Amino acid sequence: MTPHKTEFETKSGIQQKGGILERLQKGIVLGAEGYLFELERRGYIKAGAYVPEVVLDHPEALQQLHREFLRAGSEVLVAFTYYAHRDKLRVIGRENDLEALNVNALKIAKEIAKEANNDVLVAGNICNTWVYDVNDKERTEPIVRQMYDEQVGWAKEAGVDFIICETLENLGEGLIALEVIKKYDLPAMITLTPFGEKTQDGYDWVEACKILADKGTEIVGFNCCRGPEIILPLIKELRKTVKGFIAAQPVPYHTTPECPYFQNLKNRDGSRAFSTALEQHLVTRKEMGKFAKEAQEIGVNYIGVCCGGAPYYVREMAEALGRIVPASKYSADMSLHGMLGSENVVKKHQHQFAKVWEVEHKQQH
């Protein structure tokens, strides 16, 4: 009897087996993030606090999103522990749920990985703490270290493949994260969020990444804050400077040289669009595919998407990298459209209306 193949076993062009460093040695690893924004859009997270309460309140919603990212071609399941640290949970009055939330997020990611026969990697996740104070390091560094130690310790116990520490605006916070990750003997991917000209503790962004790499961070790079076109020049500079593995995970929004950070994008009336009116600024899936291809040409090793990311972006990126994934079965084919399709699809009586569409299209362009 032929063994049953799961949907995830039909992926083509995607690496299998081996840890994160082994896979990066062989080629690009495609990641997928954006859990916070996507689950907020689906009604499972409160914008503002952005704490992943969904892990405990509606785990089935998180399980589904993990599966969708896998179907779209992600090679890494990121345990949803972003903003699941002590300070954030204290803000919403759920500090007593700290361990349960982290442990369950890790358990869910591991369980979904098993559905893919463990061909995907599972990453533990830590992030900026909002506690680190460059002007009060003596007091705040021990607090940050303890917060990271709790989360990385639980991730180690769960058997993750590596740790992603992201959205940092201070080199100092990144060095604490690296220290803790190495305490637990795990590979580290640390990405900074390039908001402003320099880090909050005064380092050039690329210089900060190089320092992290020189001190033993296996993968360094940038995530969040800037859109695809605006982050690429920084990535090019990073590739010239850092010899090791680099990562790029922009936000899928149209940021510009005049407004390079998505937090500052505006509504038509001039008010701030961040974070619940950003849909008007989303890039297209084709633009995210173009970014993935350009990142590949630059020599980026780990390519993904950050806040605002969704499975359809990841599928487009995977296909731009020459991969066929389970969700490719339903990739667009407009030749099958009843009005815009090929001659053998469009009915004769629809031709007159198709011509109207074509005329209006030409008039608008």
Protein backbone atom coordinates (compact mmCIF):
# COMPACT_ATOMS: atom_id res chain seq x y z
CA MET A 1 0.00 0.00 0.00
CA THR A 2 1.39 3.43 -0.95
CA PRO A 3 1.93 5.61 2.13
CA HIS A 4 -0.33 8.63 2.36
CA LYS A 5 1.42 11.90 1.50
CA THR A 6 0.42 15.02 3.37
CA GLU A 7 -0.25 18.25 1.49
CA PHE A 8 3.00 19.66 2.84
CA GLU A 9 5.05 16.85 1.30
CA THR A 10 4.15 18.05 -2.18
CA LYS A 11 6.31 21.18 -1.89
CA SER A 12 8.99 21.51 -4.52
CA GLY A 13 12.17 23.57 -4.47
CA ILE A 14 12.07 23.79 -0.69
CA GLN A 15 14.85 22.40 1.42
CA GLN A 16 14.17 19.57 3.83
CA LYS A 17 15.99 18.23 6.88
CA GLY A 18 18.90 19.86 8.65
CA GLY A 19 19.01 22.81 11.03
CA ILE A 20 18.82 26.47 10.13
CA LEU A 21 22.55 26.84 9.46
CA GLU A 22 22.69 23.73 7.28
CA ARG A 23 19.75 24.97 5.24
CA LEU A 24 21.24 28.41 4.82
CA GLN A 25 24.45 26.83 3.57
CA LYS A 26 22.44 25.13 0.82
CA GLY A 27 20.33 28.10 -0.22
CA ILE A 28 17.71 30.68 0.71
CA VAL A 29 15.36 29.99 3.61
CA LEU A 30 11.92 31.56 3.25
CA GLY A 31 10.25 32.70 6.44
CA ALA A 32 6.85 34.15 7.24
CA GLU A 33 5.83 36.56 9.96
CA GLY A 34 3.14 39.12 10.51
CA TYR A 35 1.20 37.05 13.03
CA LEU A 36 0.28 40.05 15.18
CA PHE A 37 -1.29 42.11 12.42
CA GLU A 38 -2.93 39.21 10.62
CA LEU A 39 -4.56 37.83 13.76
CA GLU A 40 -5.65 41.35 14.76
CA ARG A 41 -7.32 41.70 11.35
CA ARG A 42 -9.07 38.38 11.95
CA GLY A 43 -10.38 39.58 15.33
CA TYR A 44 -8.17 37.66 17.77
CA ILE A 45 -5.73 40.34 19.02
CA LYS A 46 -6.29 43.82 20.40
CA ALA A 47 -4.50 46.53 18.41
CA GLY A 48 -2.48 48.79 20.66
CA ALA A 49 -1.43 46.26 23.27
CA TYR A 50 -0.67 43.67 20.56
CA VAL A 51 -0.23 40.85 23.07
CA PRO A 52 -0.69 37.33 21.61
CA GLU A 53 -3.60 36.40 23.87
CA VAL A 54 -4.93 34.29 21.01
CA VAL A 55 -2.51 31.56 22.10
CA LEU A 56 -4.62 30.90 25.19
CA ASP A 57 -8.00 32.30 24.17
CA HIS A 58 -8.34 30.92 20.62
CA PRO A 59 -5.49 28.50 19.87
CA GLU A 60 -7.37 27.12 16.88
CA ALA A 61 -6.98 30.49 15.10
CA LEU A 62 -3.22 30.41 15.59
CA GLN A 63 -3.04 26.79 14.43
CA GLN A 64 -4.87 27.73 11.24
CA LEU A 65 -2.54 30.64 10.47
CA HIS A 66 0.51 28.41 11.01
CA ARG A 67 -0.95 25.95 8.50
CA GLU A 68 -1.65 28.71 5.99
CA PHE A 69 1.91 30.01 6.19
CA LEU A 70 3.19 26.48 5.67
CA ARG A 71 0.94 25.94 2.65
CA ALA A 72 2.22 29.22 1.24
CA GLY A 73 5.82 28.04 1.39
CA SER A 74 7.29 29.13 4.70
CA GLU A 75 10.13 26.90 5.85
CA VAL A 76 10.02 28.20 9.41
CA LEU A 77 7.20 28.19 11.94
CA VAL A 78 7.79 31.02 14.39
CA ALA A 79 6.34 30.24 17.80
CA PHE A 80 3.97 33.11 18.53
CA THR A 81 5.74 34.52 21.58
CA TYR A 82 6.35 37.98 20.14
CA TYR A 83 5.33 40.47 22.86
CA ALA A 84 4.68 37.51 25.15
CA HIS A 85 7.13 38.84 27.71
CA ARG A 86 6.56 39.85 31.29
CA ASP A 87 6.26 43.61 30.72
CA LYS A 88 3.65 43.34 27.96
CA LEU A 89 1.53 40.86 29.90
CA ARG A 90 1.68 43.14 32.92
CA VAL A 91 0.19 45.95 30.80
CA ILE A 92 -2.97 43.93 30.08
CA GLY A 93 -3.19 42.36 33.56
CA ARG A 94 -2.21 38.83 32.51
CA GLU A 95 1.28 38.51 33.96
CA ASN A 96 0.23 35.28 35.68
CA ASP A 97 -0.31 33.76 32.22
CA LEU A 98 3.29 34.36 31.16
CA GLU A 99 4.54 30.79 31.33
CA ALA A 100 1.32 29.22 30.05
CA LEU A 101 1.23 31.53 27.04
CA ASN A 102 4.85 30.86 26.09
CA VAL A 103 4.71 27.13 26.64
CA ASN A 104 1.48 26.75 24.70
CA ALA A 105 2.69 28.88 21.78
CA LEU A 106 5.76 26.68 21.51
CA LYS A 107 3.66 23.53 21.79
CA ILE A 108 1.32 24.67 19.02
CA ALA A 109 4.21 25.44 16.66
CA LYS A 110 5.78 22.05 17.32
CA GLU A 111 2.47 20.26 16.75
CA ILE A 112 1.89 21.97 13.41
CA ALA A 113 5.46 21.17 12.40
CA LYS A 114 4.66 17.49 12.94
CA GLU A 115 1.83 17.81 10.41
CA ALA A 116 4.57 18.67 7.90
CA ASN A 117 6.55 15.62 9.03
CA ASN A 118 8.98 17.97 10.80
CA ASP A 119 10.40 19.14 7.46
CA VAL A 120 9.96 22.73 8.65
CA LEU A 121 11.98 24.43 11.35
CA VAL A 122 10.51 25.85 14.55
CA ALA A 123 11.93 29.12 15.84
CA GLY A 124 11.56 30.53 19.31
CA ASN A 125 10.80 34.25 19.26
CA ILE A 126 11.81 37.18 21.43
CA CYS A 127 11.67 40.89 20.64
CA ASN A 128 12.16 44.41 21.90
CA THR A 129 11.12 44.68 25.53
CA TRP A 130 10.25 48.40 25.78
CA VAL A 131 12.21 48.23 29.05
CA TYR A 132 15.80 48.71 27.87
CA ASP A 133 16.90 52.30 28.58
CA VAL A 134 20.18 53.46 27.09
CA ASN A 135 20.32 56.18 29.76
CA ASP A 136 19.67 53.77 32.62
CA LYS A 137 21.46 50.58 31.60
CA GLU A 138 22.56 49.63 35.11
CA ARG A 139 18.94 49.26 36.20
CA THR A 140 17.29 48.03 32.99
CA GLU A 141 19.83 45.55 31.60
CA PRO A 142 19.22 42.94 34.36
CA ILE A 143 15.46 43.24 33.83
CA VAL A 144 15.83 42.68 30.07
CA ARG A 145 18.20 39.77 30.65
CA GLN A 146 15.70 38.08 32.97
CA MET A 147 12.84 38.59 30.50
CA TYR A 148 14.84 37.04 27.68
CA ASP A 149 16.10 34.23 29.89
CA GLU A 150 12.56 33.18 30.75
CA GLN A 151 11.42 33.02 27.14
CA VAL A 152 14.54 31.44 25.66
CA GLY A 153 14.61 28.90 28.48
CA TRP A 154 11.08 27.76 27.66
CA ALA A 155 11.97 27.66 23.96
CA LYS A 156 15.01 25.48 24.67
CA GLU A 157 12.87 23.07 26.72
CA ALA A 158 10.40 22.86 23.82
CA GLY A 159 13.17 21.83 21.43
CA VAL A 160 13.19 24.77 18.99
CA ASP A 161 15.73 24.83 16.18
CA PHE A 162 16.87 28.42 16.68
CA ILE A 163 15.84 31.76 18.17
CA ILE A 164 14.66 34.82 16.27
CA CYS A 165 15.16 38.04 18.20
CA GLU A 166 13.65 40.92 16.27
CA THR A 167 12.41 44.49 16.10
CA LEU A 168 15.30 45.87 18.13
CA GLU A 169 16.26 49.54 17.99
CA ASN A 170 19.19 49.23 20.42
CA LEU A 171 22.42 47.33 19.85
CA GLY A 172 22.73 46.92 23.61
CA GLU A 173 19.46 45.00 23.81
CA GLY A 174 20.62 42.78 20.96
CA LEU A 175 23.86 41.96 22.77
CA ILE A 176 21.89 40.91 25.85
CA ALA A 177 19.68 38.71 23.67
CA LEU A 178 22.74 37.13 22.07
CA GLU A 179 24.27 36.41 25.47
CA VAL A 180 21.09 34.67 26.63
CA ILE A 181 20.59 32.70 23.40
CA LYS A 182 24.18 31.42 23.56
CA LYS A 183 23.69 30.47 27.20
CA TYR A 184 21.17 27.94 25.90
CA ASP A 185 23.41 26.87 23.00
CA LEU A 186 21.01 27.82 20.22
CA PRO A 187 21.65 29.52 16.85
CA ALA A 188 20.67 33.17 16.88
CA MET A 189 18.99 35.33 14.27
CA ILE A 190 18.91 38.95 15.42
CA THR A 191 17.29 41.61 13.27
CA LEU A 192 17.14 45.32 13.95
CA THR A 193 14.33 47.70 13.04
CA PRO A 194 15.94 50.64 11.22
CA PHE A 195 13.76 53.48 12.50
CA GLY A 196 15.76 56.68 12.21
CA GLU A 197 19.30 57.25 11.03
CA LYS A 198 20.95 55.30 13.86
CA THR A 199 20.12 52.89 16.67
CA GLN A 200 18.82 54.48 19.84
CA ASP A 201 22.23 53.89 21.40
CA GLY A 202 23.99 55.72 18.59
CA TYR A 203 25.26 53.07 16.16
CA ASP A 204 24.98 53.04 12.40
CA TRP A 205 22.51 50.29 11.52
CA VAL A 206 24.93 48.26 9.41
CA GLU A 207 27.70 48.77 11.96
CA ALA A 208 25.42 47.42 14.69
CA CYS A 209 24.67 44.32 12.63
CA LYS A 210 28.38 43.76 12.03
CA ILE A 211 29.11 44.00 15.75
CA LEU A 212 26.41 41.40 16.43
CA ALA A 213 27.84 39.14 13.71
CA ASP A 214 31.40 39.54 14.98
CA LYS A 215 30.27 38.55 18.46
CA GLY A 216 28.74 35.30 17.22
CA THR A 217 25.25 36.00 15.90
CA GLU A 218 24.79 33.53 13.05
CA ILE A 219 22.18 35.57 11.14
CA VAL A 220 21.84 39.37 11.27
CA GLY A 221 19.68 41.77 9.37
CA PHE A 222 16.64 44.00 9.39
CA ASN A 223 12.92 43.54 9.90
CA CYS A 224 9.84 45.72 10.16
CA CYS A 225 9.51 49.50 9.87
CA ARG A 226 10.53 50.00 6.20
CA GLY A 227 8.76 48.78 3.07
CA PRO A 228 10.44 46.64 0.42
CA GLU A 229 11.84 49.42 -1.77
CA ILE A 230 13.12 51.47 1.15
CA ILE A 231 14.80 48.60 2.99
CA LEU A 232 16.70 47.28 -0.06
CA PRO A 233 19.48 49.93 -0.11
CA LEU A 234 20.25 49.16 3.53
CA ILE A 235 20.30 45.44 2.75
CA LYS A 236 22.74 46.02 -0.11
CA GLU A 237 25.07 47.87 2.26
CA LEU A 238 24.72 45.12 4.84
CA ARG A 239 25.61 42.43 2.28
CA LYS A 240 28.82 44.29 1.43
CA THR A 241 29.77 44.57 5.08
CA VAL A 242 28.80 41.27 6.69
CA LYS A 243 30.29 38.05 5.35
CA GLY A 244 27.92 35.70 7.18
CA PHE A 245 24.21 35.02 6.77
CA ILE A 246 21.89 38.03 6.50
CA ALA A 247 18.11 38.39 6.77
CA ALA A 248 15.54 40.82 5.39
CA GLN A 249 11.89 40.96 6.45
CA PRO A 250 10.27 44.29 5.45
CA VAL A 251 6.72 45.39 6.10
CA PRO A 252 4.45 45.07 3.03
CA TYR A 253 3.60 48.77 2.87
CA HIS A 254 4.43 51.55 0.44
CA THR A 255 6.91 53.55 2.48
CA THR A 256 8.78 56.25 0.58
CA PRO A 257 11.99 58.31 0.84
CA GLU A 258 9.80 61.12 2.22
CA CYS A 259 8.06 58.76 4.67
CA PRO A 260 10.35 55.75 5.10
CA TYR A 261 8.66 54.26 8.18
CA PHE A 262 5.20 52.70 8.13
CA GLN A 263 4.46 54.03 11.60
CA ASN A 264 4.33 57.52 10.04
CA LEU A 265 2.13 56.80 7.03
CA LYS A 266 -0.92 59.06 6.82
CA ASN A 267 -4.61 58.86 6.05
CA ARG A 268 -6.07 61.12 3.38
CA ASP A 269 -7.01 63.65 6.07
CA GLY A 270 -3.43 63.77 7.34
CA SER A 271 -4.01 61.72 10.48
CA ARG A 272 -1.80 58.75 11.37
CA ALA A 273 -2.72 55.51 9.62
CA PHE A 274 -0.79 53.27 12.01
CA SER A 275 -1.94 50.73 12.85
CA THR A 276 -5.60 50.12 12.03
CA ALA A 277 -5.85 52.12 8.78
CA LEU A 278 -2.79 50.84 6.96
CA GLU A 279 -4.67 48.79 4.36
CA GLN A 280 -4.63 51.74 1.95
CA HIS A 281 -0.82 51.56 1.89
CA LEU A 282 -0.38 47.82 1.28
CA VAL A 283 1.91 46.73 -1.54
CA THR A 284 0.64 44.16 -4.03
CA ARG A 285 1.58 40.53 -3.93
CA LYS A 286 3.56 41.03 -7.14
CA GLU A 287 5.62 43.72 -5.44
CA MET A 288 6.49 41.36 -2.60
CA GLY A 289 7.47 38.73 -5.16
CA LYS A 290 9.70 41.32 -6.84
CA PHE A 291 11.30 42.09 -3.47
CA ALA A 292 12.06 38.41 -2.86
CA LYS A 293 13.75 38.13 -6.25
CA GLU A 294 15.77 41.31 -5.71
CA ALA A 295 16.80 40.14 -2.23
CA GLN A 296 17.93 36.85 -3.75
CA GLU A 297 20.06 38.72 -6.31
CA ILE A 298 21.65 40.83 -3.56
CA GLY A 299 22.59 37.67 -1.68
CA VAL A 300 20.13 37.70 1.21
CA ASN A 301 20.03 34.30 2.90
CA TYR A 302 16.82 34.51 4.94
CA ILE A 303 13.91 36.25 3.21
CA GLY A 304 10.54 36.97 4.76
CA VAL A 305 7.86 39.52 5.55
CA CYS A 306 6.96 41.30 8.77
CA CYS A 307 3.96 43.23 10.17
CA GLY A 308 1.13 43.19 7.65
CA GLY A 309 2.36 39.95 6.13
CA ALA A 310 -0.16 37.32 5.08
CA PRO A 311 -0.04 33.91 3.40
CA TYR A 312 -0.75 35.24 -0.10
CA TYR A 313 2.41 37.36 0.10
CA VAL A 314 4.47 34.36 1.14
CA ARG A 315 3.12 32.25 -1.72
CA GLU A 316 4.04 34.99 -4.20
CA MET A 317 7.53 35.23 -2.72
CA ALA A 318 7.99 31.47 -2.87
CA GLU A 319 6.95 31.36 -6.51
CA ALA A 320 9.22 34.31 -7.34
CA LEU A 321 12.05 32.20 -5.95
CA GLY A 322 11.08 29.41 -8.34
CA ARG A 323 9.23 27.22 -5.87
CA ILE A 324 5.99 25.28 -6.13
CA VAL A 325 4.11 25.08 -2.83
CA PRO A 326 0.78 23.53 -1.82
CA ALA A 327 -1.02 26.87 -2.18
CA SER A 328 0.31 27.15 -5.76
CA LYS A 329 -2.56 24.90 -6.76
CA TYR A 330 -4.79 27.96 -6.45
CA SER A 331 -2.45 30.62 -7.86
CA ALA A 332 -4.18 33.11 -10.13
CA ASP A 333 -4.91 32.21 -13.75
CA MET A 334 -6.88 35.04 -15.33
CA SER A 335 -7.18 33.13 -18.61
CA LEU A 336 -10.03 31.31 -16.85
CA HIS A 337 -11.96 34.51 -16.07
CA GLY A 338 -15.44 34.77 -17.56
CA MET A 339 -14.87 38.26 -18.96
CA LEU A 340 -11.09 38.69 -19.18
CA GLY A 341 -10.17 35.11 -19.99
CA SER A 342 -9.07 33.38 -23.16
CA GLU A 343 -11.29 33.09 -26.23
CA ASN A 344 -12.32 29.54 -25.44
CA VAL A 345 -13.50 30.62 -21.97
CA VAL A 346 -15.34 33.90 -22.61
CA LYS A 347 -18.83 33.24 -23.98
CA LYS A 348 -19.79 34.94 -27.25
CA HIS A 349 -22.61 36.91 -25.67
CA GLN A 350 -20.11 38.38 -23.19
CA HIS A 351 -17.80 39.81 -25.87
CA GLN A 352 -19.70 43.10 -26.07
CA PHE A 353 -19.33 43.64 -22.35
CA ALA A 354 -15.67 42.61 -22.44
CA LYS A 355 -15.10 45.33 -25.02
CA VAL A 356 -16.64 47.90 -22.67
CA TRP A 357 -14.24 46.79 -19.94
CA GLU A 358 -11.32 47.12 -22.33
CA VAL A 359 -12.35 50.61 -23.50
CA GLU A 360 -12.77 51.87 -19.94
CA HIS A 361 -9.41 50.37 -18.98
CA LYS A 362 -7.66 52.21 -21.84
CA GLN A 363 -9.40 55.48 -21.00
CA GLN A 364 -8.18 55.28 -17.40
CA HIS A 365 -4.60 54.63 -18.50
